Amino acid sequence: MEQEIDFKEIEQKAFRESNQDGLLELVMGICMAAMSTRLISPVLVFMLALPALLFGPVLVAMRKRFTYPRIGYVKLIPDKPKEVIRAIFLITLIVVVIIAVIFVFFGDVRDFNLWMKWIPVWGGVVLAGMFSSFGSKSGCARYYVFALWSLISGFVLSILNFEAVETGTLLYFLVMGCLLIPWGLVTFIRFLRKSTKRLQEVNDGKE
C-alpha cells in the first residue's frame, strides 16, 4: 500500500530543525531591546535603525559559528520578497484604515501625535502576523504565544498615556525583547548541550 506523502509535515519538520537553536528568537530579541535604548538618551536615535540592519548578518554569522557545524545546513525555500512586502503593506493598510475610522469618531484624525501614540498597535499586528506565519510553517505553539504577546502588548502600550509620545513604541520593543531574549537563550543553551552530547556519542562510537 502506497503511503501518501505529507508535504506540509515535511516542510514543518524542516523549519523546526533549522530553527531548533533558538537563535532566531535570541537575536531578534536582542535587536528589539537595543532599539528601545532610545529611552535612555535621545542621542541613541540611530539605534532605531541599526539593530534592524544587523539582524540578518548577525543571525547568519552565529549560525555559521554554532549551528551549522553541529546539525549541518539546509537551505529552505525563502518567502518571495514581493509577497512579503505585499503582505506587510496590506496589514499596514488595514490597521491604518481601522485606526483612522476610530479617530474620526473618537479623536482627531489630523492629530500627528495621536497617530504616533498608536504605532505599537501597528507593530504588534505586523509581528503577530509574522509569528503566526512561523507557527504555520513549523507547527510550534510557541510562535502563536509570541503572536498573542505582540498583539496584547502593542494594544496596551497604545492606550496608555506617556509624557513623550514615542515612549509607547520604545517600550513595545523592550517588552518584546524581554520575552524573546530569555526564551531564545534557554533554547540556545539546550541546543548546545544536546548537540554536544550527540557529537560526543558519535566520537565515542568511532573509537
N, C-alpha and C. Protein backbone atom coordinates (compact mmCIF):
# COMPACT_ATOMS: atom_id res chain seq x y z
N MET A 1 0.84 -1.19 0.00
CA MET A 1 0.00 0.00 0.00
C MET A 1 0.88 1.24 0.00
N GLU A 2 0.67 2.13 -0.93
CA GLU A 2 1.47 3.32 -1.03
C GLU A 2 1.08 4.32 0.06
N GLN A 3 2.11 4.92 0.66
CA GLN A 3 1.87 5.89 1.71
C GLN A 3 1.88 7.29 1.12
N GLU A 4 0.83 8.05 1.39
CA GLU A 4 0.73 9.40 0.86
C GLU A 4 1.74 10.31 1.55
N ILE A 5 2.46 11.10 0.75
CA ILE A 5 3.47 11.99 1.28
C ILE A 5 2.81 13.27 1.79
N ASP A 6 3.08 13.60 3.03
CA ASP A 6 2.53 14.82 3.63
C ASP A 6 3.58 15.92 3.50
N PHE A 7 3.49 16.71 2.44
CA PHE A 7 4.48 17.75 2.19
C PHE A 7 4.44 18.83 3.27
N LYS A 8 3.25 19.08 3.82
CA LYS A 8 3.13 20.08 4.87
C LYS A 8 3.92 19.66 6.10
N GLU A 9 3.82 18.39 6.45
CA GLU A 9 4.56 17.88 7.61
C GLU A 9 6.06 17.93 7.37
N ILE A 10 6.48 17.62 6.14
CA ILE A 10 7.90 17.67 5.80
C ILE A 10 8.42 19.10 5.91
N GLU A 11 7.62 20.04 5.40
CA GLU A 11 8.01 21.46 5.47
C GLU A 11 8.12 21.92 6.92
N GLN A 12 7.16 21.53 7.75
CA GLN A 12 7.18 21.93 9.15
C GLN A 12 8.39 21.33 9.88
N LYS A 13 8.69 20.07 9.60
CA LYS A 13 9.84 19.42 10.24
C LYS A 13 11.14 20.10 9.84
N ALA A 14 11.27 20.46 8.56
CA ALA A 14 12.48 21.14 8.09
C ALA A 14 12.63 22.50 8.76
N PHE A 15 11.51 23.22 8.90
CA PHE A 15 11.55 24.55 9.54
C PHE A 15 11.92 24.41 11.01
N ARG A 16 11.34 23.41 11.69
CA ARG A 16 11.65 23.20 13.11
C ARG A 16 13.12 22.86 13.30
N GLU A 17 13.64 21.98 12.44
CA GLU A 17 15.03 21.57 12.56
C GLU A 17 15.97 22.75 12.33
N SER A 18 15.64 23.59 11.38
CA SER A 18 16.53 24.71 11.05
C SER A 18 16.48 25.81 12.10
N ASN A 19 15.43 25.81 12.95
CA ASN A 19 15.30 26.84 13.97
C ASN A 19 15.33 26.28 15.39
N GLN A 20 15.86 25.07 15.54
CA GLN A 20 15.90 24.45 16.86
C GLN A 20 16.93 25.08 17.78
N ASP A 21 17.83 25.92 17.22
CA ASP A 21 18.90 26.52 18.02
C ASP A 21 18.43 27.70 18.86
N GLY A 22 17.25 28.25 18.59
CA GLY A 22 16.75 29.38 19.36
C GLY A 22 17.38 30.71 19.00
N LEU A 23 18.27 30.71 18.01
CA LEU A 23 18.98 31.94 17.66
C LEU A 23 18.08 32.97 16.99
N LEU A 24 17.06 32.51 16.28
CA LEU A 24 16.13 33.45 15.67
C LEU A 24 15.49 34.33 16.74
N GLU A 25 14.97 33.70 17.80
CA GLU A 25 14.36 34.45 18.88
C GLU A 25 15.38 35.28 19.64
N LEU A 26 16.56 34.70 19.91
CA LEU A 26 17.57 35.39 20.70
C LEU A 26 18.07 36.65 20.00
N VAL A 27 18.46 36.52 18.74
CA VAL A 27 18.99 37.68 18.00
C VAL A 27 17.90 38.73 17.79
N MET A 28 16.69 38.28 17.46
CA MET A 28 15.59 39.22 17.28
C MET A 28 15.30 39.97 18.58
N GLY A 29 15.31 39.25 19.69
CA GLY A 29 15.06 39.88 20.98
C GLY A 29 16.12 40.90 21.34
N ILE A 30 17.39 40.56 21.09
CA ILE A 30 18.48 41.50 21.38
C ILE A 30 18.35 42.75 20.53
N CYS A 31 18.02 42.56 19.25
CA CYS A 31 17.86 43.71 18.35
C CYS A 31 16.72 44.61 18.80
N MET A 32 15.60 44.01 19.22
CA MET A 32 14.46 44.82 19.65
C MET A 32 14.76 45.53 20.96
N ALA A 33 15.45 44.85 21.87
CA ALA A 33 15.83 45.51 23.13
C ALA A 33 16.80 46.66 22.85
N ALA A 34 17.70 46.46 21.89
CA ALA A 34 18.65 47.52 21.53
C ALA A 34 17.92 48.72 20.95
N MET A 35 16.86 48.47 20.20
CA MET A 35 16.08 49.57 19.62
C MET A 35 15.39 50.40 20.70
N SER A 36 15.15 49.80 21.86
CA SER A 36 14.48 50.52 22.94
C SER A 36 15.43 51.40 23.73
N THR A 37 16.75 51.31 23.48
CA THR A 37 17.71 52.10 24.25
C THR A 37 17.56 53.60 24.00
N ARG A 38 16.76 53.96 23.02
CA ARG A 38 16.43 55.38 22.80
C ARG A 38 15.74 55.95 24.04
N LEU A 39 15.20 55.09 24.89
CA LEU A 39 14.60 55.53 26.15
C LEU A 39 15.63 56.15 27.08
N ILE A 40 16.87 55.68 26.96
CA ILE A 40 17.94 56.16 27.85
C ILE A 40 18.39 57.56 27.49
N SER A 41 18.57 57.78 26.18
CA SER A 41 19.05 59.08 25.72
C SER A 41 18.62 59.34 24.28
N PRO A 42 18.22 60.58 23.95
CA PRO A 42 17.87 60.93 22.57
C PRO A 42 19.04 60.76 21.61
N VAL A 43 20.26 60.77 22.15
CA VAL A 43 21.45 60.61 21.30
C VAL A 43 21.46 59.25 20.61
N LEU A 44 20.79 58.28 21.22
CA LEU A 44 20.78 56.91 20.70
C LEU A 44 19.69 56.70 19.65
N VAL A 45 19.28 57.76 18.99
CA VAL A 45 18.23 57.65 17.99
C VAL A 45 18.62 56.72 16.84
N PHE A 46 19.93 56.62 16.56
CA PHE A 46 20.39 55.74 15.48
C PHE A 46 20.12 54.27 15.78
N MET A 47 19.90 53.94 17.08
CA MET A 47 19.63 52.56 17.46
C MET A 47 18.26 52.08 16.99
N LEU A 48 17.44 52.99 16.51
CA LEU A 48 16.14 52.57 15.97
C LEU A 48 16.31 51.82 14.66
N ALA A 49 17.38 52.12 13.92
CA ALA A 49 17.58 51.51 12.61
C ALA A 49 18.72 50.49 12.60
N LEU A 50 19.79 50.76 13.34
CA LEU A 50 20.99 49.91 13.29
C LEU A 50 20.72 48.45 13.62
N PRO A 51 20.02 48.13 14.73
CA PRO A 51 19.77 46.71 15.03
C PRO A 51 18.99 45.99 13.94
N ALA A 52 18.04 46.69 13.31
CA ALA A 52 17.25 46.06 12.24
C ALA A 52 18.14 45.70 11.05
N LEU A 53 19.13 46.55 10.77
CA LEU A 53 20.06 46.29 9.66
C LEU A 53 21.02 45.15 9.99
N LEU A 54 21.36 45.01 11.27
CA LEU A 54 22.34 43.99 11.68
C LEU A 54 21.71 42.64 11.96
N PHE A 55 20.39 42.58 12.07
CA PHE A 55 19.72 41.33 12.45
C PHE A 55 20.10 40.16 11.54
N GLY A 56 19.93 40.34 10.22
CA GLY A 56 20.23 39.25 9.28
C GLY A 56 21.68 38.81 9.31
N PRO A 57 22.66 39.74 9.17
CA PRO A 57 24.07 39.33 9.21
C PRO A 57 24.48 38.68 10.52
N VAL A 58 23.99 39.18 11.66
CA VAL A 58 24.37 38.61 12.95
C VAL A 58 23.79 37.19 13.09
N LEU A 59 22.54 36.99 12.67
CA LEU A 59 21.92 35.67 12.75
C LEU A 59 22.68 34.66 11.90
N VAL A 60 23.04 35.05 10.68
CA VAL A 60 23.78 34.15 9.80
C VAL A 60 25.16 33.83 10.38
N ALA A 61 25.84 34.84 10.91
CA ALA A 61 27.17 34.64 11.48
C ALA A 61 27.14 33.69 12.68
N MET A 62 26.15 33.84 13.55
CA MET A 62 26.06 32.98 14.72
C MET A 62 25.71 31.55 14.34
N ARG A 63 24.88 31.39 13.33
CA ARG A 63 24.54 30.03 12.90
C ARG A 63 25.73 29.35 12.23
N LYS A 64 26.53 30.10 11.49
CA LYS A 64 27.73 29.54 10.90
C LYS A 64 28.72 29.11 11.98
N ARG A 65 28.71 29.85 13.09
CA ARG A 65 29.65 29.56 14.18
C ARG A 65 29.17 28.42 15.07
N PHE A 66 27.88 28.38 15.38
CA PHE A 66 27.39 27.42 16.38
C PHE A 66 26.49 26.32 15.83
N THR A 67 25.64 26.64 14.85
CA THR A 67 24.60 25.71 14.43
C THR A 67 25.04 24.77 13.32
N TYR A 68 25.51 25.34 12.22
CA TYR A 68 25.82 24.52 11.05
C TYR A 68 26.88 23.45 11.32
N PRO A 69 27.93 23.73 12.14
CA PRO A 69 28.89 22.65 12.43
C PRO A 69 28.29 21.48 13.18
N ARG A 70 27.15 21.68 13.83
CA ARG A 70 26.54 20.64 14.65
C ARG A 70 25.45 19.86 13.92
N ILE A 71 24.62 20.56 13.15
CA ILE A 71 23.50 19.86 12.51
C ILE A 71 23.52 19.97 10.99
N GLY A 72 24.52 20.66 10.45
CA GLY A 72 24.58 20.84 9.00
C GLY A 72 23.76 22.04 8.56
N TYR A 73 23.67 22.23 7.27
CA TYR A 73 22.99 23.40 6.71
C TYR A 73 21.94 22.95 5.71
N VAL A 74 20.73 23.43 5.90
CA VAL A 74 19.64 23.16 4.97
C VAL A 74 19.09 24.50 4.48
N LYS A 75 19.09 24.69 3.18
CA LYS A 75 18.59 25.94 2.62
C LYS A 75 17.11 25.78 2.32
N LEU A 76 16.30 26.46 3.12
CA LEU A 76 14.85 26.42 2.91
C LEU A 76 14.46 27.38 1.79
N ILE A 77 13.36 27.09 1.14
CA ILE A 77 12.87 27.99 0.10
C ILE A 77 12.35 29.25 0.78
N PRO A 78 12.99 30.40 0.53
CA PRO A 78 12.56 31.63 1.21
C PRO A 78 11.26 32.17 0.66
N ASP A 79 10.58 32.95 1.49
CA ASP A 79 9.39 33.64 1.02
C ASP A 79 9.79 34.65 -0.06
N LYS A 80 8.95 34.78 -1.07
CA LYS A 80 9.26 35.73 -2.13
C LYS A 80 9.18 37.15 -1.58
N PRO A 81 10.23 37.96 -1.80
CA PRO A 81 10.26 39.33 -1.24
C PRO A 81 9.02 40.14 -1.60
N LYS A 82 8.55 40.03 -2.84
CA LYS A 82 7.38 40.80 -3.25
C LYS A 82 6.15 40.40 -2.45
N GLU A 83 6.02 39.10 -2.16
CA GLU A 83 4.87 38.64 -1.38
C GLU A 83 4.95 39.12 0.07
N VAL A 84 6.17 39.14 0.63
CA VAL A 84 6.36 39.63 1.99
C VAL A 84 6.01 41.11 2.07
N ILE A 85 6.54 41.89 1.12
CA ILE A 85 6.26 43.33 1.09
C ILE A 85 4.77 43.58 0.90
N ARG A 86 4.15 42.79 0.03
CA ARG A 86 2.72 42.95 -0.22
C ARG A 86 1.91 42.64 1.04
N ALA A 87 2.31 41.61 1.77
CA ALA A 87 1.60 41.23 2.99
C ALA A 87 1.73 42.32 4.06
N ILE A 88 2.96 42.85 4.23
CA ILE A 88 3.18 43.92 5.21
C ILE A 88 2.38 45.16 4.83
N PHE A 89 2.37 45.49 3.54
CA PHE A 89 1.62 46.66 3.06
C PHE A 89 0.13 46.48 3.31
N LEU A 90 -0.38 45.26 3.05
CA LEU A 90 -1.80 45.00 3.24
C LEU A 90 -2.18 45.10 4.71
N ILE A 91 -1.35 44.52 5.58
CA ILE A 91 -1.62 44.59 7.02
C ILE A 91 -1.59 46.03 7.50
N THR A 92 -0.57 46.79 7.03
CA THR A 92 -0.46 48.20 7.40
C THR A 92 -1.68 48.98 6.96
N LEU A 93 -2.13 48.73 5.73
CA LEU A 93 -3.28 49.44 5.20
C LEU A 93 -4.54 49.16 6.02
N ILE A 94 -4.74 47.89 6.37
CA ILE A 94 -5.91 47.50 7.16
C ILE A 94 -5.88 48.18 8.53
N VAL A 95 -4.72 48.13 9.18
CA VAL A 95 -4.58 48.74 10.51
C VAL A 95 -4.81 50.25 10.44
N VAL A 96 -4.22 50.90 9.44
CA VAL A 96 -4.36 52.35 9.28
C VAL A 96 -5.82 52.74 9.07
N VAL A 97 -6.51 51.98 8.22
CA VAL A 97 -7.93 52.27 7.95
C VAL A 97 -8.76 52.12 9.22
N ILE A 98 -8.53 51.04 9.96
CA ILE A 98 -9.30 50.83 11.20
C ILE A 98 -9.04 51.94 12.20
N ILE A 99 -7.75 52.30 12.38
CA ILE A 99 -7.41 53.37 13.32
C ILE A 99 -8.00 54.69 12.87
N ALA A 100 -7.94 54.96 11.55
CA ALA A 100 -8.49 56.22 11.02
C ALA A 100 -9.99 56.33 11.30
N VAL A 101 -10.70 55.23 11.12
CA VAL A 101 -12.15 55.22 11.40
C VAL A 101 -12.40 55.50 12.88
N ILE A 102 -11.60 54.89 13.75
CA ILE A 102 -11.75 55.12 15.19
C ILE A 102 -11.48 56.58 15.53
N PHE A 103 -10.43 57.16 14.90
CA PHE A 103 -10.09 58.56 15.17
C PHE A 103 -11.19 59.51 14.70
N VAL A 104 -11.85 59.16 13.61
CA VAL A 104 -12.92 60.01 13.09
C VAL A 104 -14.04 60.15 14.12
N PHE A 105 -14.33 59.07 14.82
CA PHE A 105 -15.45 59.07 15.78
C PHE A 105 -15.02 59.43 17.21
N PHE A 106 -13.78 59.09 17.56
CA PHE A 106 -13.38 59.26 18.96
C PHE A 106 -12.13 60.12 19.13
N GLY A 107 -11.65 60.76 18.11
CA GLY A 107 -10.45 61.57 18.23
C GLY A 107 -10.34 62.57 17.09
N ASP A 108 -9.11 62.98 16.82
CA ASP A 108 -8.83 63.91 15.73
C ASP A 108 -7.92 63.22 14.74
N VAL A 109 -8.45 62.88 13.58
CA VAL A 109 -7.69 62.13 12.59
C VAL A 109 -6.50 62.93 12.06
N ARG A 110 -6.49 64.25 12.29
CA ARG A 110 -5.39 65.10 11.81
C ARG A 110 -4.29 65.28 12.86
N ASP A 111 -4.48 64.68 14.03
CA ASP A 111 -3.51 64.82 15.13
C ASP A 111 -2.35 63.84 14.92
N PHE A 112 -1.16 64.37 14.56
CA PHE A 112 0.00 63.53 14.30
C PHE A 112 0.43 62.75 15.54
N ASN A 113 0.40 63.40 16.70
CA ASN A 113 0.80 62.72 17.94
C ASN A 113 -0.11 61.54 18.26
N LEU A 114 -1.37 61.67 17.89
CA LEU A 114 -2.31 60.57 18.11
C LEU A 114 -1.94 59.36 17.26
N TRP A 115 -1.52 59.62 16.03
CA TRP A 115 -1.06 58.53 15.17
C TRP A 115 0.20 57.89 15.73
N MET A 116 1.12 58.73 16.21
CA MET A 116 2.37 58.22 16.80
C MET A 116 2.07 57.36 18.03
N LYS A 117 1.08 57.76 18.78
CA LYS A 117 0.71 57.04 20.01
C LYS A 117 0.28 55.61 19.71
N TRP A 118 -0.33 55.40 18.53
CA TRP A 118 -0.88 54.08 18.20
C TRP A 118 0.04 53.24 17.31
N ILE A 119 1.29 53.66 17.16
CA ILE A 119 2.25 52.86 16.40
C ILE A 119 2.44 51.46 17.00
N PRO A 120 2.48 51.30 18.34
CA PRO A 120 2.64 49.95 18.89
C PRO A 120 1.58 48.96 18.40
N VAL A 121 0.36 49.44 18.15
CA VAL A 121 -0.68 48.55 17.61
C VAL A 121 -0.28 48.02 16.25
N TRP A 122 0.22 48.93 15.40
CA TRP A 122 0.66 48.50 14.07
C TRP A 122 1.81 47.49 14.19
N GLY A 123 2.81 47.82 15.03
CA GLY A 123 3.92 46.89 15.21
C GLY A 123 3.46 45.55 15.77
N GLY A 124 2.52 45.61 16.70
CA GLY A 124 2.01 44.38 17.28
C GLY A 124 1.31 43.49 16.28
N VAL A 125 0.55 44.11 15.38
CA VAL A 125 -0.18 43.34 14.37
C VAL A 125 0.79 42.75 13.34
N VAL A 126 1.77 43.56 12.90
CA VAL A 126 2.74 43.08 11.90
C VAL A 126 3.54 41.90 12.45
N LEU A 127 4.06 42.05 13.67
CA LEU A 127 4.85 40.96 14.26
C LEU A 127 3.97 39.74 14.56
N ALA A 128 2.73 39.98 14.94
CA ALA A 128 1.81 38.87 15.19
C ALA A 128 1.59 38.08 13.90
N GLY A 129 1.48 38.79 12.80
CA GLY A 129 1.34 38.11 11.51
C GLY A 129 2.57 37.30 11.16
N MET A 130 3.75 37.87 11.44
CA MET A 130 5.00 37.16 11.15
C MET A 130 5.13 35.90 12.00
N PHE A 131 4.86 36.03 13.31
CA PHE A 131 4.97 34.88 14.20
C PHE A 131 3.92 33.82 13.87
N SER A 132 2.73 34.25 13.48
CA SER A 132 1.70 33.29 13.09
C SER A 132 2.14 32.51 11.85
N SER A 133 2.82 33.21 10.94
CA SER A 133 3.36 32.54 9.75
C SER A 133 4.40 31.50 10.15
N PHE A 134 5.27 31.86 11.11
CA PHE A 134 6.26 30.91 11.61
C PHE A 134 5.58 29.71 12.26
N GLY A 135 4.49 29.97 12.99
CA GLY A 135 3.75 28.90 13.63
C GLY A 135 3.17 27.94 12.62
N SER A 136 2.64 28.49 11.52
CA SER A 136 2.07 27.64 10.47
C SER A 136 3.16 26.82 9.78
N LYS A 137 4.33 27.43 9.58
CA LYS A 137 5.42 26.74 8.89
C LYS A 137 6.06 25.65 9.76
N SER A 138 6.05 25.86 11.07
CA SER A 138 6.75 24.94 11.95
C SER A 138 5.84 23.99 12.72
N GLY A 139 4.59 24.41 12.94
CA GLY A 139 3.70 23.62 13.78
C GLY A 139 4.00 23.78 15.26
N CYS A 140 4.83 24.77 15.62
CA CYS A 140 5.21 25.01 17.02
C CYS A 140 4.28 26.02 17.67
N ALA A 141 3.79 25.69 18.85
CA ALA A 141 2.84 26.56 19.54
C ALA A 141 3.49 27.84 20.05
N ARG A 142 4.81 27.81 20.28
CA ARG A 142 5.46 28.98 20.88
C ARG A 142 5.34 30.22 20.00
N TYR A 143 5.29 30.04 18.69
CA TYR A 143 5.18 31.21 17.81
C TYR A 143 3.80 31.87 17.94
N TYR A 144 2.79 31.08 18.24
CA TYR A 144 1.47 31.66 18.46
C TYR A 144 1.43 32.40 19.81
N VAL A 145 2.21 31.92 20.77
CA VAL A 145 2.35 32.63 22.05
C VAL A 145 3.00 33.99 21.80
N PHE A 146 4.07 34.01 20.98
CA PHE A 146 4.73 35.27 20.64
C PHE A 146 3.75 36.22 19.93
N ALA A 147 2.93 35.67 19.04
CA ALA A 147 1.97 36.48 18.29
C ALA A 147 0.96 37.12 19.24
N LEU A 148 0.45 36.32 20.18
CA LEU A 148 -0.53 36.83 21.14
C LEU A 148 0.09 37.90 22.03
N TRP A 149 1.32 37.65 22.49
CA TRP A 149 2.03 38.62 23.32
C TRP A 149 2.24 39.93 22.56
N SER A 150 2.57 39.82 21.29
CA SER A 150 2.79 41.01 20.46
C SER A 150 1.51 41.83 20.33
N LEU A 151 0.39 41.16 20.09
CA LEU A 151 -0.88 41.87 19.96
C LEU A 151 -1.29 42.57 21.26
N ILE A 152 -1.20 41.83 22.36
CA ILE A 152 -1.62 42.38 23.64
C ILE A 152 -0.75 43.55 24.06
N SER A 153 0.58 43.37 23.98
CA SER A 153 1.49 44.43 24.40
C SER A 153 1.36 45.66 23.50
N GLY A 154 1.18 45.45 22.19
CA GLY A 154 1.01 46.57 21.29
C GLY A 154 -0.24 47.38 21.61
N PHE A 155 -1.33 46.69 21.92
CA PHE A 155 -2.59 47.38 22.24
C PHE A 155 -2.48 48.10 23.58
N VAL A 156 -1.95 47.43 24.59
CA VAL A 156 -1.86 48.03 25.93
C VAL A 156 -0.97 49.27 25.91
N LEU A 157 0.17 49.20 25.23
CA LEU A 157 1.10 50.33 25.20
C LEU A 157 0.59 51.47 24.33
N SER A 158 -0.41 51.21 23.52
CA SER A 158 -1.02 52.28 22.73
C SER A 158 -2.08 53.05 23.52
N ILE A 159 -2.79 52.35 24.40
CA ILE A 159 -3.85 53.03 25.14
C ILE A 159 -3.32 53.75 26.38
N LEU A 160 -2.11 53.38 26.83
CA LEU A 160 -1.52 54.07 27.97
C LEU A 160 -1.01 55.45 27.55
N ASN A 161 -1.01 56.37 28.49
CA ASN A 161 -0.52 57.72 28.22
C ASN A 161 0.88 57.91 28.79
N PHE A 162 1.78 58.44 27.97
CA PHE A 162 3.15 58.72 28.38
C PHE A 162 3.48 60.18 28.12
N GLU A 163 4.47 60.67 28.85
CA GLU A 163 4.87 62.08 28.69
C GLU A 163 5.39 62.34 27.28
N ALA A 164 6.21 61.42 26.77
CA ALA A 164 6.72 61.53 25.40
C ALA A 164 5.96 60.55 24.52
N VAL A 165 5.53 61.01 23.35
CA VAL A 165 4.65 60.20 22.52
C VAL A 165 5.31 58.95 21.99
N GLU A 166 6.66 58.98 21.84
CA GLU A 166 7.35 57.79 21.30
C GLU A 166 7.65 56.74 22.36
N THR A 167 7.37 57.04 23.63
CA THR A 167 7.69 56.10 24.72
C THR A 167 6.97 54.77 24.55
N GLY A 168 5.73 54.79 24.14
CA GLY A 168 4.97 53.55 23.96
C GLY A 168 5.61 52.63 22.95
N THR A 169 6.08 53.19 21.83
CA THR A 169 6.73 52.39 20.80
C THR A 169 8.03 51.79 21.31
N LEU A 170 8.83 52.60 22.01
CA LEU A 170 10.11 52.12 22.54
C LEU A 170 9.89 51.05 23.59
N LEU A 171 8.88 51.23 24.42
CA LEU A 171 8.57 50.21 25.43
C LEU A 171 8.08 48.92 24.77
N TYR A 172 7.40 49.05 23.64
CA TYR A 172 6.96 47.85 22.91
C TYR A 172 8.17 47.03 22.48
N PHE A 173 9.20 47.70 21.95
CA PHE A 173 10.43 46.99 21.57
C PHE A 173 11.04 46.30 22.79
N LEU A 174 11.05 47.00 23.92
CA LEU A 174 11.64 46.44 25.13
C LEU A 174 10.85 45.24 25.63
N VAL A 175 9.53 45.36 25.63
CA VAL A 175 8.67 44.26 26.09
C VAL A 175 8.85 43.01 25.23
N MET A 176 8.93 43.20 23.91
CA MET A 176 9.15 42.06 23.03
C MET A 176 10.53 41.45 23.25
N GLY A 177 11.53 42.31 23.44
CA GLY A 177 12.88 41.82 23.70
C GLY A 177 12.95 41.02 24.99
N CYS A 178 12.22 41.49 26.03
CA CYS A 178 12.23 40.80 27.32
C CYS A 178 11.57 39.42 27.25
N LEU A 179 10.72 39.21 26.27
CA LEU A 179 10.12 37.88 26.06
C LEU A 179 11.05 37.00 25.23
N LEU A 180 11.56 37.55 24.14
CA LEU A 180 12.30 36.74 23.17
C LEU A 180 13.70 36.37 23.64
N ILE A 181 14.38 37.28 24.35
CA ILE A 181 15.76 37.00 24.78
C ILE A 181 15.84 35.81 25.73
N PRO A 182 15.10 35.77 26.84
CA PRO A 182 15.19 34.59 27.72
C PRO A 182 14.78 33.30 27.03
N TRP A 183 13.71 33.37 26.23
CA TRP A 183 13.24 32.17 25.53
C TRP A 183 14.33 31.67 24.57
N GLY A 184 14.87 32.59 23.79
CA GLY A 184 15.90 32.20 22.84
C GLY A 184 17.16 31.71 23.51
N LEU A 185 17.54 32.35 24.63
CA LEU A 185 18.77 31.97 25.33
C LEU A 185 18.66 30.58 25.92
N VAL A 186 17.53 30.28 26.57
CA VAL A 186 17.33 28.95 27.14
C VAL A 186 17.33 27.89 26.04
N THR A 187 16.65 28.17 24.93
CA THR A 187 16.61 27.22 23.81
C THR A 187 18.00 27.02 23.22
N PHE A 188 18.77 28.09 23.11
CA PHE A 188 20.12 28.01 22.56
C PHE A 188 21.03 27.17 23.45
N ILE A 189 20.96 27.39 24.77
CA ILE A 189 21.78 26.61 25.70
C ILE A 189 21.41 25.13 25.64
N ARG A 190 20.12 24.84 25.59
CA ARG A 190 19.68 23.45 25.49
C ARG A 190 20.16 22.83 24.18
N PHE A 191 20.12 23.60 23.11
CA PHE A 191 20.59 23.11 21.82
C PHE A 191 22.08 22.77 21.87
N LEU A 192 22.88 23.64 22.48
CA LEU A 192 24.32 23.40 22.58
C LEU A 192 24.61 22.15 23.40
N ARG A 193 23.89 21.99 24.50
CA ARG A 193 24.11 20.82 25.35
C ARG A 193 23.72 19.53 24.63
N LYS A 194 22.57 19.56 23.97
CA LYS A 194 22.08 18.38 23.27
C LYS A 194 23.00 18.01 22.10
N SER A 195 23.41 19.00 21.34
CA SER A 195 24.24 18.73 20.17
C SER A 195 25.65 18.32 20.57
N THR A 196 26.16 18.88 21.67
CA THR A 196 27.49 18.50 22.16
C THR A 196 27.49 17.06 22.64
N LYS A 197 26.42 16.66 23.35
CA LYS A 197 26.30 15.28 23.81
C LYS A 197 26.21 14.33 22.62
N ARG A 198 25.48 14.75 21.58
CA ARG A 198 25.33 13.92 20.39
C ARG A 198 26.67 13.73 19.69
N LEU A 199 27.45 14.82 19.61
CA LEU A 199 28.77 14.74 18.98
C LEU A 199 29.70 13.83 19.77
N GLN A 200 29.61 13.89 21.11
CA GLN A 200 30.44 13.03 21.95
C GLN A 200 30.09 11.56 21.76
N GLU A 201 28.80 11.26 21.64
CA GLU A 201 28.37 9.87 21.43
C GLU A 201 28.86 9.35 20.08
N VAL A 202 28.84 10.22 19.05
CA VAL A 202 29.33 9.82 17.73
C VAL A 202 30.83 9.54 17.79
N ASN A 203 31.57 10.43 18.47
CA ASN A 203 33.01 10.25 18.58
C ASN A 203 33.37 9.01 19.37
N ASP A 204 32.61 8.75 20.44
CA ASP A 204 32.86 7.55 21.24
C ASP A 204 32.60 6.29 20.44
N GLY A 205 31.63 6.35 19.57
CA GLY A 205 31.30 5.20 18.75
C GLY A 205 32.36 4.88 17.71
N LYS A 206 33.14 5.89 17.35
CA LYS A 206 34.20 5.69 16.34
C LYS A 206 35.47 5.14 16.94
N GLU A 207 35.61 5.32 18.26
CA GLU A 207 36.84 4.87 18.91
C GLU A 207 36.82 3.35 19.14
